[in-house]
């Protein structure tokens, strides 16, 4: 997380300026591709587990702060949401290394995100490395 400091105000009087700090994150959206390959159930399960290993590795490296599926209709485009502690360019590089993205099932979009400093904190946690582990937790 990087900090950004903004000075606001439109008056020349110093007292009218407000000094505010922001925490910077990167948001990544995981989107189902319209031209995604058709996979067997076994291939789909293997790809999902590889996707989860990738996310767990990013989390353990401190680059991924939070991630999870976005629930909804089976034909929805938005499938996952992540918050990363790296700049948007690095986030895109990391997320494009996801086996499910490389396989053509998903595409990613990344966006810089700023919040007032200290508004959100992330606790150490554990991301499952497979669907079996997720269902056992």
N, C-alpha and C. Protein backbone atom coordinates (compact mmCIF):
# COMPACT_ATOMS: atom_id res chain seq x y z
N UNK A 1 0.85 -1.17 0.00
CA UNK A 1 0.00 0.00 0.00
C UNK A 1 0.89 1.22 0.00
N UNK A 2 0.59 2.14 -0.86
CA UNK A 2 1.31 3.41 -0.92
C UNK A 2 0.40 4.50 -0.38
N UNK A 3 1.00 5.55 0.09
CA UNK A 3 0.23 6.68 0.61
C UNK A 3 0.28 7.82 -0.38
N UNK A 4 -0.82 8.49 -0.54
CA UNK A 4 -0.94 9.64 -1.42
C UNK A 4 -1.42 10.80 -0.56
N UNK A 5 -0.82 11.96 -0.73
CA UNK A 5 -1.23 13.12 0.04
C UNK A 5 -1.81 14.16 -0.90
N UNK A 6 -3.02 14.61 -0.59
CA UNK A 6 -3.69 15.62 -1.40
C UNK A 6 -3.89 16.88 -0.57
N UNK A 7 -3.78 17.99 -1.23
CA UNK A 7 -4.09 19.27 -0.59
C UNK A 7 -5.29 19.82 -1.33
N UNK A 8 -6.37 20.08 -0.59
CA UNK A 8 -7.60 20.57 -1.20
C UNK A 8 -7.84 22.01 -0.78
N UNK A 9 -8.63 22.69 -1.59
CA UNK A 9 -9.03 24.05 -1.26
C UNK A 9 -8.86 24.95 -2.45
N UNK A 10 -9.64 26.00 -2.48
CA UNK A 10 -9.53 26.93 -3.60
C UNK A 10 -9.30 28.36 -3.11
N UNK A 11 -8.94 28.50 -1.87
CA UNK A 11 -8.67 29.83 -1.31
C UNK A 11 -7.16 30.00 -1.16
N UNK A 12 -6.72 31.22 -1.19
CA UNK A 12 -5.30 31.48 -1.01
C UNK A 12 -4.91 31.45 0.47
N UNK A 13 -5.89 31.41 1.35
CA UNK A 13 -5.58 31.37 2.78
C UNK A 13 -5.15 29.97 3.17
N UNK A 14 -4.01 29.85 3.83
CA UNK A 14 -3.47 28.56 4.22
C UNK A 14 -4.45 27.78 5.11
N UNK A 15 -5.20 28.51 5.93
CA UNK A 15 -6.15 27.86 6.84
C UNK A 15 -7.26 27.14 6.09
N UNK A 16 -7.50 27.50 4.83
CA UNK A 16 -8.55 26.87 4.06
C UNK A 16 -8.11 25.56 3.40
N UNK A 17 -6.81 25.27 3.47
CA UNK A 17 -6.30 24.05 2.85
C UNK A 17 -6.43 22.90 3.83
N UNK A 18 -6.88 21.79 3.33
CA UNK A 18 -6.98 20.60 4.17
C UNK A 18 -5.98 19.59 3.64
N UNK A 19 -5.16 19.11 4.52
CA UNK A 19 -4.14 18.13 4.18
C UNK A 19 -4.73 16.75 4.47
N UNK A 20 -4.86 15.91 3.44
CA UNK A 20 -5.48 14.60 3.63
C UNK A 20 -4.62 13.53 3.00
N UNK A 21 -4.44 12.42 3.71
CA UNK A 21 -3.67 11.30 3.18
C UNK A 21 -4.62 10.21 2.71
N UNK A 22 -4.19 9.51 1.66
CA UNK A 22 -4.96 8.41 1.11
C UNK A 22 -4.10 7.16 1.01
N UNK A 23 -4.71 6.02 1.23
CA UNK A 23 -4.05 4.74 0.97
C UNK A 23 -4.38 4.35 -0.47
N UNK A 24 -3.38 3.82 -1.16
CA UNK A 24 -3.55 3.44 -2.57
C UNK A 24 -3.52 1.92 -2.69
N UNK A 25 -4.45 1.40 -3.43
CA UNK A 25 -4.53 -0.03 -3.73
C UNK A 25 -4.80 -0.18 -5.23
N UNK A 26 -4.80 -1.40 -5.68
CA UNK A 26 -5.24 -1.70 -7.04
C UNK A 26 -6.36 -2.72 -6.95
N UNK A 27 -7.43 -2.46 -7.66
CA UNK A 27 -8.56 -3.38 -7.76
C UNK A 27 -8.41 -4.15 -9.06
N UNK A 28 -8.66 -5.45 -9.00
CA UNK A 28 -8.64 -6.27 -10.20
C UNK A 28 -9.98 -7.00 -10.32
N UNK A 29 -10.56 -6.93 -11.49
CA UNK A 29 -11.80 -7.64 -11.78
C UNK A 29 -11.48 -8.82 -12.68
N UNK A 30 -12.02 -9.97 -12.33
CA UNK A 30 -11.86 -11.17 -13.14
C UNK A 30 -13.15 -11.35 -13.94
N UNK A 31 -13.05 -11.31 -15.26
CA UNK A 31 -14.22 -11.31 -16.14
C UNK A 31 -14.20 -12.53 -17.05
N UNK A 32 -15.36 -13.18 -17.15
CA UNK A 32 -15.50 -14.34 -18.03
C UNK A 32 -15.42 -13.87 -19.47
N UNK A 33 -14.58 -14.53 -20.24
CA UNK A 33 -14.46 -14.19 -21.66
C UNK A 33 -15.64 -14.79 -22.42
N UNK A 34 -16.15 -14.05 -23.37
CA UNK A 34 -17.25 -14.55 -24.20
C UNK A 34 -16.80 -15.68 -25.10
N UNK A 35 -15.51 -15.71 -25.40
CA UNK A 35 -14.96 -16.76 -26.26
C UNK A 35 -14.16 -17.80 -25.46
N UNK A 36 -14.51 -17.97 -24.18
CA UNK A 36 -13.80 -18.91 -23.32
C UNK A 36 -13.90 -20.33 -23.88
N UNK A 37 -12.82 -21.09 -23.77
CA UNK A 37 -12.86 -22.46 -24.28
C UNK A 37 -13.82 -23.33 -23.48
N UNK A 38 -14.41 -24.30 -24.13
CA UNK A 38 -15.27 -25.27 -23.46
C UNK A 38 -14.37 -26.32 -22.81
N UNK A 39 -14.55 -26.56 -21.53
CA UNK A 39 -13.71 -27.50 -20.79
C UNK A 39 -14.56 -28.62 -20.22
N UNK A 40 -13.95 -29.78 -20.08
CA UNK A 40 -14.62 -30.89 -19.40
C UNK A 40 -14.68 -30.56 -17.91
N UNK A 41 -15.50 -31.29 -17.16
CA UNK A 41 -15.58 -31.06 -15.71
C UNK A 41 -14.22 -31.24 -15.06
N UNK A 42 -13.48 -32.25 -15.50
CA UNK A 42 -12.16 -32.52 -14.92
C UNK A 42 -11.19 -31.37 -15.25
N UNK A 43 -11.20 -30.90 -16.49
CA UNK A 43 -10.34 -29.78 -16.87
C UNK A 43 -10.72 -28.51 -16.10
N UNK A 44 -12.02 -28.29 -15.94
CA UNK A 44 -12.52 -27.12 -15.20
C UNK A 44 -12.05 -27.17 -13.75
N UNK A 45 -12.14 -28.35 -13.12
CA UNK A 45 -11.71 -28.51 -11.72
C UNK A 45 -10.20 -28.27 -11.58
N UNK A 46 -9.42 -28.81 -12.50
CA UNK A 46 -7.97 -28.61 -12.46
C UNK A 46 -7.61 -27.14 -12.64
N UNK A 47 -8.28 -26.47 -13.56
CA UNK A 47 -8.02 -25.07 -13.81
C UNK A 47 -8.41 -24.21 -12.61
N UNK A 48 -9.53 -24.54 -11.97
CA UNK A 48 -9.96 -23.79 -10.78
C UNK A 48 -8.95 -23.95 -9.65
N UNK A 49 -8.45 -25.17 -9.44
CA UNK A 49 -7.44 -25.38 -8.40
C UNK A 49 -6.16 -24.61 -8.72
N UNK A 50 -5.73 -24.61 -9.99
CA UNK A 50 -4.53 -23.87 -10.38
C UNK A 50 -4.74 -22.36 -10.16
N UNK A 51 -5.93 -21.87 -10.45
CA UNK A 51 -6.29 -20.47 -10.19
C UNK A 51 -6.17 -20.16 -8.70
N UNK A 52 -6.68 -21.05 -7.87
CA UNK A 52 -6.64 -20.83 -6.42
C UNK A 52 -5.21 -20.87 -5.88
N UNK A 53 -4.38 -21.75 -6.41
CA UNK A 53 -2.97 -21.79 -6.01
C UNK A 53 -2.30 -20.47 -6.36
N UNK A 54 -2.58 -19.96 -7.55
CA UNK A 54 -2.00 -18.68 -7.97
C UNK A 54 -2.39 -17.56 -7.00
N UNK A 55 -3.66 -17.48 -6.65
CA UNK A 55 -4.11 -16.45 -5.71
C UNK A 55 -3.45 -16.62 -4.35
N UNK A 56 -3.37 -17.85 -3.85
CA UNK A 56 -2.75 -18.11 -2.55
C UNK A 56 -1.28 -17.71 -2.56
N UNK A 57 -0.58 -17.99 -3.67
CA UNK A 57 0.83 -17.59 -3.78
C UNK A 57 0.98 -16.08 -3.74
N UNK A 58 0.12 -15.35 -4.46
CA UNK A 58 0.16 -13.88 -4.44
C UNK A 58 -0.12 -13.34 -3.04
N UNK A 59 -1.06 -13.98 -2.35
CA UNK A 59 -1.40 -13.55 -0.99
C UNK A 59 -0.22 -13.79 -0.04
N UNK A 60 0.38 -14.96 -0.14
CA UNK A 60 1.52 -15.28 0.72
C UNK A 60 2.70 -14.36 0.46
N UNK A 61 2.84 -13.87 -0.78
CA UNK A 61 3.91 -12.94 -1.13
C UNK A 61 3.61 -11.51 -0.68
N UNK A 62 2.40 -11.27 -0.17
CA UNK A 62 2.02 -9.93 0.29
C UNK A 62 1.51 -9.02 -0.80
N UNK A 63 1.33 -9.53 -2.01
CA UNK A 63 0.88 -8.70 -3.12
C UNK A 63 -0.65 -8.65 -3.22
N UNK A 64 -1.30 -9.71 -2.81
CA UNK A 64 -2.76 -9.81 -2.85
C UNK A 64 -3.29 -9.70 -1.43
N UNK A 65 -4.12 -8.69 -1.19
CA UNK A 65 -4.66 -8.46 0.15
C UNK A 65 -5.97 -9.19 0.39
N UNK A 66 -6.79 -9.25 -0.64
CA UNK A 66 -8.10 -9.91 -0.52
C UNK A 66 -8.55 -10.33 -1.91
N UNK A 67 -9.27 -11.44 -1.96
CA UNK A 67 -9.79 -11.92 -3.24
C UNK A 67 -10.94 -12.87 -2.97
N UNK A 68 -11.86 -12.92 -3.91
CA UNK A 68 -12.95 -13.86 -3.79
C UNK A 68 -13.88 -13.79 -4.97
N UNK A 69 -14.73 -14.80 -5.08
CA UNK A 69 -15.68 -14.82 -6.19
C UNK A 69 -16.79 -13.79 -6.00
N UNK A 70 -17.34 -13.35 -7.11
CA UNK A 70 -18.52 -12.50 -7.11
C UNK A 70 -19.68 -13.40 -7.51
N UNK A 71 -20.67 -13.51 -6.65
CA UNK A 71 -21.78 -14.42 -6.88
C UNK A 71 -22.85 -13.77 -7.75
N UNK A 72 -23.63 -14.60 -8.41
CA UNK A 72 -24.70 -14.07 -9.24
C UNK A 72 -25.16 -15.10 -10.25
N UNK A 73 -25.81 -14.62 -11.28
CA UNK A 73 -26.36 -15.48 -12.33
C UNK A 73 -25.25 -16.28 -13.01
N UNK A 74 -25.54 -17.50 -13.45
CA UNK A 74 -24.51 -18.34 -14.08
C UNK A 74 -23.88 -17.72 -15.33
N UNK A 75 -24.60 -16.85 -16.01
CA UNK A 75 -24.07 -16.26 -17.25
C UNK A 75 -23.43 -14.88 -17.03
N UNK A 76 -23.20 -14.50 -15.78
CA UNK A 76 -22.63 -13.18 -15.50
C UNK A 76 -21.19 -13.09 -16.00
N UNK A 77 -20.77 -11.89 -16.33
CA UNK A 77 -19.40 -11.68 -16.80
C UNK A 77 -18.43 -11.54 -15.62
N UNK A 78 -18.82 -10.77 -14.60
CA UNK A 78 -17.95 -10.54 -13.44
C UNK A 78 -17.91 -11.78 -12.58
N UNK A 79 -16.71 -12.35 -12.40
CA UNK A 79 -16.54 -13.60 -11.66
C UNK A 79 -15.73 -13.44 -10.38
N UNK A 80 -14.81 -12.47 -10.34
CA UNK A 80 -13.98 -12.33 -9.15
C UNK A 80 -13.51 -10.90 -8.95
N UNK A 81 -13.15 -10.61 -7.71
CA UNK A 81 -12.74 -9.26 -7.30
C UNK A 81 -11.51 -9.42 -6.41
N UNK A 82 -10.47 -8.63 -6.66
CA UNK A 82 -9.26 -8.69 -5.86
C UNK A 82 -8.80 -7.29 -5.49
N UNK A 83 -8.16 -7.19 -4.33
CA UNK A 83 -7.51 -5.96 -3.90
C UNK A 83 -6.03 -6.29 -3.74
N UNK A 84 -5.20 -5.54 -4.44
CA UNK A 84 -3.76 -5.78 -4.42
C UNK A 84 -3.02 -4.59 -3.84
N UNK A 85 -1.84 -4.86 -3.31
CA UNK A 85 -1.02 -3.82 -2.68
C UNK A 85 0.03 -3.26 -3.63
N UNK A 86 -0.05 -3.61 -4.90
CA UNK A 86 0.95 -3.19 -5.89
C UNK A 86 0.32 -2.20 -6.87
N UNK A 87 1.17 -1.53 -7.67
CA UNK A 87 0.64 -0.57 -8.63
C UNK A 87 -0.13 -1.30 -9.74
N UNK A 88 -0.97 -0.59 -10.48
CA UNK A 88 -1.81 -1.22 -11.50
C UNK A 88 -1.03 -2.01 -12.56
N UNK A 89 0.12 -1.52 -12.97
CA UNK A 89 0.89 -2.23 -14.00
C UNK A 89 1.36 -3.58 -13.48
N UNK A 90 1.90 -3.59 -12.25
CA UNK A 90 2.35 -4.85 -11.68
C UNK A 90 1.17 -5.77 -11.40
N UNK A 91 0.05 -5.20 -10.96
CA UNK A 91 -1.14 -6.01 -10.70
C UNK A 91 -1.59 -6.70 -11.98
N UNK A 92 -1.60 -5.98 -13.09
CA UNK A 92 -1.99 -6.58 -14.36
C UNK A 92 -1.05 -7.73 -14.73
N UNK A 93 0.25 -7.50 -14.58
CA UNK A 93 1.22 -8.56 -14.88
C UNK A 93 0.99 -9.79 -14.02
N UNK A 94 0.78 -9.58 -12.73
CA UNK A 94 0.56 -10.70 -11.81
C UNK A 94 -0.73 -11.44 -12.13
N UNK A 95 -1.79 -10.70 -12.37
CA UNK A 95 -3.09 -11.33 -12.62
C UNK A 95 -3.12 -12.02 -13.99
N UNK A 96 -2.37 -11.53 -14.95
CA UNK A 96 -2.32 -12.18 -16.26
C UNK A 96 -1.51 -13.47 -16.23
N UNK A 97 -0.78 -13.71 -15.14
CA UNK A 97 -0.08 -14.98 -14.96
C UNK A 97 -0.99 -16.07 -14.40
N UNK A 98 -2.20 -15.71 -14.02
CA UNK A 98 -3.18 -16.67 -13.50
C UNK A 98 -3.42 -17.75 -14.57
N UNK A 99 -3.31 -19.02 -14.21
CA UNK A 99 -3.54 -20.09 -15.19
C UNK A 99 -4.89 -20.00 -15.89
N UNK A 100 -5.93 -19.55 -15.20
CA UNK A 100 -7.25 -19.44 -15.81
C UNK A 100 -7.31 -18.30 -16.83
N UNK A 101 -6.52 -17.27 -16.62
CA UNK A 101 -6.42 -16.17 -17.59
C UNK A 101 -5.59 -16.64 -18.78
N UNK A 102 -4.47 -17.29 -18.50
CA UNK A 102 -3.61 -17.79 -19.59
C UNK A 102 -4.34 -18.83 -20.44
N UNK A 103 -5.26 -19.58 -19.85
CA UNK A 103 -6.02 -20.59 -20.59
C UNK A 103 -7.14 -19.97 -21.43
N UNK A 104 -7.38 -18.68 -21.28
CA UNK A 104 -8.39 -18.00 -22.07
C UNK A 104 -9.79 -18.04 -21.49
N UNK A 105 -9.93 -18.53 -20.25
CA UNK A 105 -11.26 -18.56 -19.63
C UNK A 105 -11.67 -17.17 -19.16
N UNK A 106 -10.73 -16.44 -18.57
CA UNK A 106 -11.01 -15.12 -18.01
C UNK A 106 -10.10 -14.07 -18.63
N UNK A 107 -10.51 -12.82 -18.45
CA UNK A 107 -9.67 -11.67 -18.72
C UNK A 107 -9.70 -10.80 -17.47
N UNK A 108 -8.74 -9.91 -17.35
CA UNK A 108 -8.67 -9.06 -16.16
C UNK A 108 -8.73 -7.59 -16.55
N UNK A 109 -9.29 -6.81 -15.67
CA UNK A 109 -9.23 -5.36 -15.75
C UNK A 109 -8.72 -4.87 -14.40
N UNK A 110 -7.85 -3.88 -14.42
CA UNK A 110 -7.29 -3.35 -13.18
C UNK A 110 -7.54 -1.84 -13.10
N UNK A 111 -7.70 -1.38 -11.87
CA UNK A 111 -8.00 0.03 -11.62
C UNK A 111 -7.29 0.49 -10.35
N UNK A 112 -6.71 1.70 -10.37
CA UNK A 112 -6.19 2.25 -9.12
C UNK A 112 -7.37 2.61 -8.22
N UNK A 113 -7.16 2.47 -6.93
CA UNK A 113 -8.23 2.74 -5.96
C UNK A 113 -7.62 3.45 -4.76
N UNK A 114 -8.19 4.56 -4.37
CA UNK A 114 -7.69 5.31 -3.21
C UNK A 114 -8.80 5.42 -2.17
N UNK A 115 -8.38 5.35 -0.91
CA UNK A 115 -9.29 5.48 0.23
C UNK A 115 -8.64 6.41 1.25
N UNK A 116 -9.42 7.13 2.04
CA UNK A 116 -8.82 7.90 3.12
C UNK A 116 -7.94 6.99 3.97
N UNK A 117 -6.76 7.48 4.31
CA UNK A 117 -5.78 6.68 5.05
C UNK A 117 -6.38 6.06 6.30
N UNK A 118 -6.12 4.78 6.49
CA UNK A 118 -6.56 4.07 7.68
C UNK A 118 -8.00 3.60 7.66
N UNK A 119 -8.75 3.91 6.62
CA UNK A 119 -10.16 3.53 6.56
C UNK A 119 -10.33 2.02 6.50
N UNK A 120 -9.39 1.35 5.84
CA UNK A 120 -9.49 -0.09 5.68
C UNK A 120 -8.16 -0.72 6.07
N UNK A 121 -8.22 -1.82 6.80
CA UNK A 121 -7.02 -2.57 7.13
C UNK A 121 -7.25 -4.03 6.75
N UNK A 122 -6.15 -4.73 6.53
CA UNK A 122 -6.22 -6.14 6.14
C UNK A 122 -5.46 -6.96 7.17
N UNK A 123 -6.10 -8.00 7.65
CA UNK A 123 -5.48 -8.90 8.63
C UNK A 123 -4.83 -10.06 7.91
N UNK A 124 -3.79 -10.62 8.52
CA UNK A 124 -3.21 -11.83 7.92
C UNK A 124 -4.30 -12.91 7.86
N UNK A 125 -4.28 -13.65 6.82
CA UNK A 125 -5.29 -14.69 6.66
C UNK A 125 -4.74 -15.82 5.82
N UNK A 126 -5.62 -16.66 5.40
CA UNK A 126 -5.25 -17.85 4.64
C UNK A 126 -6.20 -17.99 3.46
N UNK A 127 -5.65 -18.12 2.27
CA UNK A 127 -6.47 -18.41 1.10
C UNK A 127 -6.33 -19.89 0.77
N UNK A 128 -7.44 -20.57 0.51
CA UNK A 128 -7.35 -22.00 0.17
C UNK A 128 -6.63 -22.18 -1.16
N UNK A 129 -5.94 -23.32 -1.27
CA UNK A 129 -5.17 -23.63 -2.47
C UNK A 129 -5.90 -24.60 -3.40
N UNK A 130 -7.13 -24.96 -3.06
CA UNK A 130 -7.93 -25.85 -3.90
C UNK A 130 -9.39 -25.76 -3.47
N UNK A 131 -10.29 -26.25 -4.33
CA UNK A 131 -11.70 -26.28 -3.96
C UNK A 131 -11.92 -27.25 -2.80
N UNK A 132 -11.19 -28.35 -2.78
CA UNK A 132 -11.33 -29.31 -1.68
C UNK A 132 -10.96 -28.65 -0.36
N UNK A 133 -9.90 -27.87 -0.34
CA UNK A 133 -9.50 -27.17 0.87
C UNK A 133 -10.51 -26.10 1.25
N UNK A 134 -11.07 -25.40 0.28
CA UNK A 134 -12.09 -24.38 0.55
C UNK A 134 -13.32 -24.99 1.17
N UNK A 135 -13.72 -26.14 0.66
CA UNK A 135 -14.93 -26.80 1.18
C UNK A 135 -14.70 -27.42 2.54
N UNK A 136 -13.44 -27.73 2.88
CA UNK A 136 -13.12 -28.32 4.18
C UNK A 136 -13.00 -27.26 5.25
N UNK A 137 -12.66 -26.01 4.85
CA UNK A 137 -12.46 -24.92 5.84
C UNK A 137 -13.74 -24.47 6.45
